[in-house]
C-alpha atoms as a PDB file:
ATOM      1  CA  UNK A   1     -39.998  -6.069 -26.294  1.00  0.00           C
ATOM      2  CA  UNK A   2     -36.348  -7.026 -26.839  1.00  0.00           C
ATOM      3  CA  UNK A   3     -35.382  -3.669 -28.391  1.00  0.00           C
ATOM      4  CA  UNK A   4     -36.325  -1.560 -25.323  1.00  0.00           C
ATOM      5  CA  UNK A   5     -34.352  -3.925 -23.066  1.00  0.00           C
ATOM      6  CA  UNK A   6     -31.286  -3.665 -25.339  1.00  0.00           C
ATOM      7  CA  UNK A   7     -31.573   0.134 -25.374  1.00  0.00           C
ATOM      8  CA  UNK A   8     -31.759   0.251 -21.569  1.00  0.00           C
ATOM      9  CA  UNK A   9     -28.734  -2.070 -21.247  1.00  0.00           C
ATOM     10  CA  UNK A  10     -26.769   0.041 -23.770  1.00  0.00           C
ATOM     11  CA  UNK A  11     -27.638   3.265 -21.905  1.00  0.00           C
ATOM     12  CA  UNK A  12     -26.584   1.740 -18.569  1.00  0.00           C
ATOM     13  CA  UNK A  13     -23.271   0.516 -20.012  1.00  0.00           C
ATOM     14  CA  UNK A  14     -22.632   3.908 -21.626  1.00  0.00           C
ATOM     15  CA  UNK A  15     -23.451   5.697 -18.351  1.00  0.00           C
ATOM     16  CA  UNK A  16     -21.074   3.411 -16.447  1.00  0.00           C
ATOM     17  CA  UNK A  17     -18.248   4.029 -18.938  1.00  0.00           C
ATOM     18  CA  UNK A  18     -18.810   7.793 -18.934  1.00  0.00           C
ATOM     19  CA  UNK A  19     -18.917   7.865 -15.134  1.00  0.00           C
ATOM     20  CA  UNK A  20     -15.683   5.835 -14.997  1.00  0.00           C
ATOM     21  CA  UNK A  21     -13.975   8.201 -17.432  1.00  0.00           C
ATOM     22  CA  UNK A  22     -14.696  11.151 -15.140  1.00  0.00           C
ATOM     23  CA  UNK A  23     -13.243   9.557 -12.004  1.00  0.00           C
ATOM     24  CA  UNK A  24     -10.074  11.151 -10.559  1.00  0.00           C
ATOM     25  CA  UNK A  25      -6.839  10.187 -12.337  1.00  0.00           C
ATOM     26  CA  UNK A  26      -4.942   9.823  -9.063  1.00  0.00           C
ATOM     27  CA  UNK A  27      -5.505   7.578  -6.084  1.00  0.00           C
ATOM     28  CA  UNK A  28      -4.342   8.252  -2.536  1.00  0.00           C
ATOM     29  CA  UNK A  29      -4.841   6.180   0.612  1.00  0.00           C
ATOM     30  CA  UNK A  30      -3.522   7.348   3.997  1.00  0.00           C
ATOM     31  CA  UNK A  31      -3.708   5.915   7.496  1.00  0.00           C
ATOM     32  CA  UNK A  32      -1.941   6.961  10.715  1.00  0.00           C
ATOM     33  CA  UNK A  33      -1.369   5.714  14.232  1.00  0.00           C
ATOM     34  CA  UNK A  34       0.476   6.700  17.382  1.00  0.00           C
ATOM     35  CA  UNK A  35       3.235   4.413  18.616  1.00  0.00           C
ATOM     36  CA  UNK A  36       4.633   4.465  22.142  1.00  0.00           C
ATOM     37  CA  UNK A  37       8.225   4.273  20.959  1.00  0.00           C
ATOM     38  CA  UNK A  38      10.773   6.676  19.489  1.00  0.00           C
ATOM     39  CA  UNK A  39      10.773   7.295  15.712  1.00  0.00           C
ATOM     40  CA  UNK A  40      13.895   5.096  15.308  1.00  0.00           C
ATOM     41  CA  UNK A  41      12.034   1.977  16.511  1.00  0.00           C
ATOM     42  CA  UNK A  42       9.151   2.500  14.081  1.00  0.00           C
ATOM     43  CA  UNK A  43      11.469   3.516  11.208  1.00  0.00           C
ATOM     44  CA  UNK A  44      13.417   0.280  11.605  1.00  0.00           C
ATOM     45  CA  UNK A  45      10.274  -1.793  10.897  1.00  0.00           C
ATOM     46  CA  UNK A  46       9.797  -0.382   7.373  1.00  0.00           C
ATOM     47  CA  UNK A  47      13.321   0.628   6.348  1.00  0.00           C
ATOM     48  CA  UNK A  48      14.692  -2.904   6.842  1.00  0.00           C
ATOM     49  CA  UNK A  49      12.907  -5.187   4.362  1.00  0.00           C
ATOM     50  CA  UNK A  50      13.502  -8.310   6.484  1.00  0.00           C
ATOM     51  CA  UNK A  51      11.640  -6.603   9.317  1.00  0.00           C
ATOM     52  CA  UNK A  52       9.055  -5.296   6.862  1.00  0.00           C
ATOM     53  CA  UNK A  53       8.159  -8.872   5.934  1.00  0.00           C
ATOM     54  CA  UNK A  54       7.361  -9.547   9.594  1.00  0.00           C
ATOM     55  CA  UNK A  55       4.896  -6.629   9.847  1.00  0.00           C
ATOM     56  CA  UNK A  56       3.550  -6.439   6.282  1.00  0.00           C
ATOM     57  CA  UNK A  57      -0.171  -7.151   5.993  1.00  0.00           C
ATOM     58  CA  UNK A  58       0.499  -8.490   2.491  1.00  0.00           C
ATOM     59  CA  UNK A  59       2.999 -11.082   3.709  1.00  0.00           C
ATOM     60  CA  UNK A  60       0.357 -12.207   6.220  1.00  0.00           C
ATOM     61  CA  UNK A  61      -2.338 -12.380   3.506  1.00  0.00           C
ATOM     62  CA  UNK A  62      -0.238 -14.720   1.389  1.00  0.00           C
ATOM     63  CA  UNK A  63       2.374 -16.461   3.585  1.00  0.00           C
ATOM     64  CA  UNK A  64       3.259 -18.909   0.783  1.00  0.00           C
ATOM     65  CA  UNK A  65       4.201 -16.109  -1.621  1.00  0.00           C
ATOM     66  CA  UNK A  66       7.730 -16.341  -2.958  1.00  0.00           C
ATOM     67  CA  UNK A  67       9.899 -13.358  -2.005  1.00  0.00           C
ATOM     68  CA  UNK A  68      13.273 -12.333  -3.349  1.00  0.00           C
ATOM     69  CA  UNK A  69      15.540  -9.638  -1.916  1.00  0.00           C
ATOM     70  CA  UNK A  70      18.024  -7.666  -4.014  1.00  0.00           C
ATOM     71  CA  UNK A  71      20.455  -4.941  -3.074  1.00  0.00           C
ATOM     72  CA  UNK A  72      20.973  -4.024   0.542  1.00  0.00           C
ATOM     73  CA  UNK A  73      18.403  -5.291   3.057  1.00  0.00           C
ATOM     74  CA  UNK A  74      17.747  -1.786   4.396  1.00  0.00           C
ATOM     75  CA  UNK A  75      17.768   1.772   3.150  1.00  0.00           C
ATOM     76  CA  UNK A  76      17.942   3.236  -0.343  1.00  0.00           C
ATOM     77  CA  UNK A  77      17.981   0.667  -3.163  1.00  0.00           C
ATOM     78  CA  UNK A  78      16.807  -2.206  -0.949  1.00  0.00           C
ATOM     79  CA  UNK A  79      14.284  -4.169  -2.997  1.00  0.00           C
ATOM     80  CA  UNK A  80      11.806  -6.961  -2.428  1.00  0.00           C
ATOM     81  CA  UNK A  81       9.996  -8.846  -5.189  1.00  0.00           C
ATOM     82  CA  UNK A  82       6.969 -10.986  -4.466  1.00  0.00           C
ATOM     83  CA  UNK A  83       4.963 -13.557  -6.369  1.00  0.00           C
ATOM     84  CA  UNK A  84       1.928 -15.046  -4.697  1.00  0.00           C
ATOM     85  CA  UNK A  85      -1.464 -16.505  -5.450  1.00  0.00           C
ATOM     86  CA  UNK A  86      -3.417 -14.024  -3.296  1.00  0.00           C
ATOM     87  CA  UNK A  87      -1.248 -10.900  -3.566  1.00  0.00           C
ATOM     88  CA  UNK A  88      -0.171 -11.096  -7.191  1.00  0.00           C
ATOM     89  CA  UNK A  89       3.351 -10.257  -8.285  1.00  0.00           C
ATOM     90  CA  UNK A  90       5.470  -7.146  -8.125  1.00  0.00           C
ATOM     91  CA  UNK A  91       8.456  -5.397  -6.673  1.00  0.00           C
ATOM     92  CA  UNK A  92       8.999  -2.683  -4.081  1.00  0.00           C
ATOM     93  CA  UNK A  93      12.178  -0.629  -3.983  1.00  0.00           C
ATOM     94  CA  UNK A  94      13.230   1.874  -1.334  1.00  0.00           C
ATOM     95  CA  UNK A  95      13.825   5.071  -3.316  1.00  0.00           C
ATOM     96  CA  UNK A  96      14.358   7.383  -0.344  1.00  0.00           C
ATOM     97  CA  UNK A  97      15.338   6.775   3.247  1.00  0.00           C
ATOM     98  CA  UNK A  98      15.794   9.560   5.793  1.00  0.00           C
ATOM     99  CA  UNK A  99      16.695   7.970   9.136  1.00  0.00           C
ATOM    100  CA  UNK A 100      13.870   8.167  11.677  1.00  0.00           C
ATOM    101  CA  UNK A 101      11.832  10.518   9.408  1.00  0.00           C
ATOM    102  CA  UNK A 102      10.824   8.961   6.079  1.00  0.00           C
ATOM    103  CA  UNK A 103      10.893   5.805   3.962  1.00  0.00           C
ATOM    104  CA  UNK A 104       9.583   6.036   0.385  1.00  0.00           C
ATOM    105  CA  UNK A 105       9.014   3.034  -1.891  1.00  0.00           C
ATOM    106  CA  UNK A 106       8.338   2.639  -5.579  1.00  0.00           C
ATOM    107  CA  UNK A 107       5.794  -0.132  -6.113  1.00  0.00           C
ATOM    108  CA  UNK A 108       5.840  -1.918  -9.463  1.00  0.00           C
ATOM    109  CA  UNK A 109       2.840  -4.234  -9.691  1.00  0.00           C
ATOM    110  CA  UNK A 110       2.952  -6.923 -12.376  1.00  0.00           C
ATOM    111  CA  UNK A 111      -0.053  -9.066 -11.540  1.00  0.00           C
ATOM    112  CA  UNK A 112      -3.048  -8.995 -11.366  1.00  0.00           C
ATOM    113  CA  UNK A 113      -2.728  -5.566 -13.050  1.00  0.00           C
ATOM    114  CA  UNK A 114       0.374  -3.817 -14.261  1.00  0.00           C
ATOM    115  CA  UNK A 115       0.871  -0.433 -12.611  1.00  0.00           C
ATOM    116  CA  UNK A 116       3.345   1.691 -10.717  1.00  0.00           C
ATOM    117  CA  UNK A 117       2.653   3.516  -7.485  1.00  0.00           C
ATOM    118  CA  UNK A 118       4.467   5.009  -4.542  1.00  0.00           C
ATOM    119  CA  UNK A 119       4.166   4.454  -0.815  1.00  0.00           C
ATOM    120  CA  UNK A 120       5.730   6.317   2.044  1.00  0.00           C
ATOM    121  CA  UNK A 121       5.970   6.152   5.778  1.00  0.00           C
ATOM    122  CA  UNK A 122       6.595   9.272   7.817  1.00  0.00           C
ATOM    123  CA  UNK A 123       7.630   9.332  11.472  1.00  0.00           C
ATOM    124  CA  UNK A 124       6.945  12.448  13.555  1.00  0.00           C
ATOM    125  CA  UNK A 125       7.644  12.848  17.269  1.00  0.00           C
ATOM    126  CA  UNK A 126       4.387  13.432  19.163  1.00  0.00           C
ATOM    127  CA  UNK A 127       5.314  14.028  22.793  1.00  0.00           C
ATOM    128  CA  UNK A 128       6.484  10.675  24.144  1.00  0.00           C
ATOM    129  CA  UNK A 129       5.015   8.872  21.120  1.00  0.00           C
ATOM    130  CA  UNK A 130       5.619   8.748  17.385  1.00  0.00           C
ATOM    131  CA  UNK A 131       2.975   9.539  14.787  1.00  0.00           C
ATOM    132  CA  UNK A 132       3.402   7.079  11.917  1.00  0.00           C
ATOM    133  CA  UNK A 133       1.617   7.802   8.643  1.00  0.00           C
ATOM    134  CA  UNK A 134       1.428   5.329   5.747  1.00  0.00           C
ATOM    135  CA  UNK A 135       0.411   6.801   2.384  1.00  0.00           C
ATOM    136  CA  UNK A 136       0.130   5.222  -1.039  1.00  0.00           C
ATOM    137  CA  UNK A 137      -0.514   7.193  -4.200  1.00  0.00           C
ATOM    138  CA  UNK A 138      -0.446   6.603  -7.919  1.00  0.00           C
ATOM    139  CA  UNK A 139      -2.123   7.147 -11.254  1.00  0.00           C
ATOM    140  CA  UNK A 140      -5.331   5.379 -12.216  1.00  0.00           C
ATOM    141  CA  UNK A 141      -5.871   4.046 -15.722  1.00  0.00           C
ATOM    142  CA  UNK A 142      -9.359   3.550 -17.152  1.00  0.00           C
ATOM    143  CA  UNK A 143      -9.677   0.026 -15.756  1.00  0.00           C
ATOM    144  CA  UNK A 144      -8.730   1.270 -12.265  1.00  0.00           C
ATOM    145  CA  UNK A 145     -11.276   4.075 -12.550  1.00  0.00           C
ATOM    146  CA  UNK A 146     -13.993   1.600 -13.549  1.00  0.00           C
ATOM    147  CA  UNK A 147     -13.062  -0.790 -10.707  1.00  0.00           C
ATOM    148  CA  UNK A 148     -13.263   2.156  -8.300  1.00  0.00           C
ATOM    149  CA  UNK A 149     -16.970   2.470  -9.096  1.00  0.00           C
ATOM    150  CA  UNK A 150     -17.530  -1.072  -7.817  1.00  0.00           C
ATOM    151  CA  UNK A 151     -14.825  -1.504  -5.145  1.00  0.00           C
ATOM    152  CA  UNK A 152     -14.032   1.135  -2.534  1.00  0.00           C
ATOM    153  CA  UNK A 153     -10.227   1.103  -2.820  1.00  0.00           C
ATOM    154  CA  UNK A 154      -9.729   3.480   0.116  1.00  0.00           C
ATOM    155  CA  UNK A 155     -11.676   1.168   2.402  1.00  0.00           C
ATOM    156  CA  UNK A 156     -10.033  -2.032   1.093  1.00  0.00           C
ATOM    157  CA  UNK A 157      -6.439  -0.776   1.077  1.00  0.00           C
ATOM    158  CA  UNK A 158      -7.065   1.308   4.184  1.00  0.00           C
ATOM    159  CA  UNK A 159      -8.008  -1.817   6.156  1.00  0.00           C
ATOM    160  CA  UNK A 160      -4.743  -3.433   5.066  1.00  0.00           C
ATOM    161  CA  UNK A 161      -2.815  -0.314   6.108  1.00  0.00           C
ATOM    162  CA  UNK A 162      -4.551  -0.297   9.489  1.00  0.00           C
ATOM    163  CA  UNK A 163      -3.609  -3.946  10.017  1.00  0.00           C
ATOM    164  CA  UNK A 164       0.000  -3.213   9.033  1.00  0.00           C
ATOM    165  CA  UNK A 165       0.185  -0.228  11.372  1.00  0.00           C
ATOM    166  CA  UNK A 166      -1.009  -2.422  14.261  1.00  0.00           C
ATOM    167  CA  UNK A 167       1.866  -4.828  13.496  1.00  0.00           C
ATOM    168  CA  UNK A 168       4.398  -2.012  13.170  1.00  0.00           C
ATOM    169  CA  UNK A 169       3.196  -0.598  16.486  1.00  0.00           C
ATOM    170  CA  UNK A 170       3.561  -3.964  18.254  1.00  0.00           C
ATOM    171  CA  UNK A 171       7.037  -4.574  16.824  1.00  0.00           C
ATOM    172  CA  UNK A 172       8.302  -1.042  17.577  1.00  0.00           C
ATOM    173  CA  UNK A 173       6.869  -1.021  21.093  1.00  0.00           C
ATOM    174  CA  UNK A 174       8.441  -4.415  21.827  1.00  0.00           C
ATOM    175  CA  UNK A 175      11.834  -2.822  21.135  1.00  0.00           C
ATOM    176  CA  UNK A 176      11.017  -0.048  23.599  1.00  0.00           C
ATOM    177  CA  UNK A 177       9.170  -1.592  26.568  1.00  0.00           C
ATOM    178  CA  UNK A 178       7.677   1.022  28.868  1.00  0.00           C
END
């Protein structure tokens, strides 16, 4: 009786590992919103890392996390390191900043898992509003592929992006009252 159970468990584990191995090697999460403010007001919220801390869903998830700024506070080479109980540890660095159009970050995660990814915000005029799009992308190692079979990363990270976009919208619109 024990042997058939062990065989079934081994087959299930093997199937899980094979399924994980065939998952996509890249991850991408994107969310967008419309903001009733010019691109400059929205751009300011993510290009300036002091302002970013005020709208970041991650700063709100772990308000006791230790943060350290290096380089300029805004624009290319601005960097923010974090170390928190709920959000882990890592560093984000602005690697590209095109005023009122684009901010691109490199994300170096140290804990709970070591990895590197990239995030970007784009700002496009949309009539009297601004379309803001937040995208994160990166490579997935085997562990990330296996976790993706259990946890829907697009849904989890997407909810955080949606929360952050609500905060960016509120902050940008407060600079540009109608």
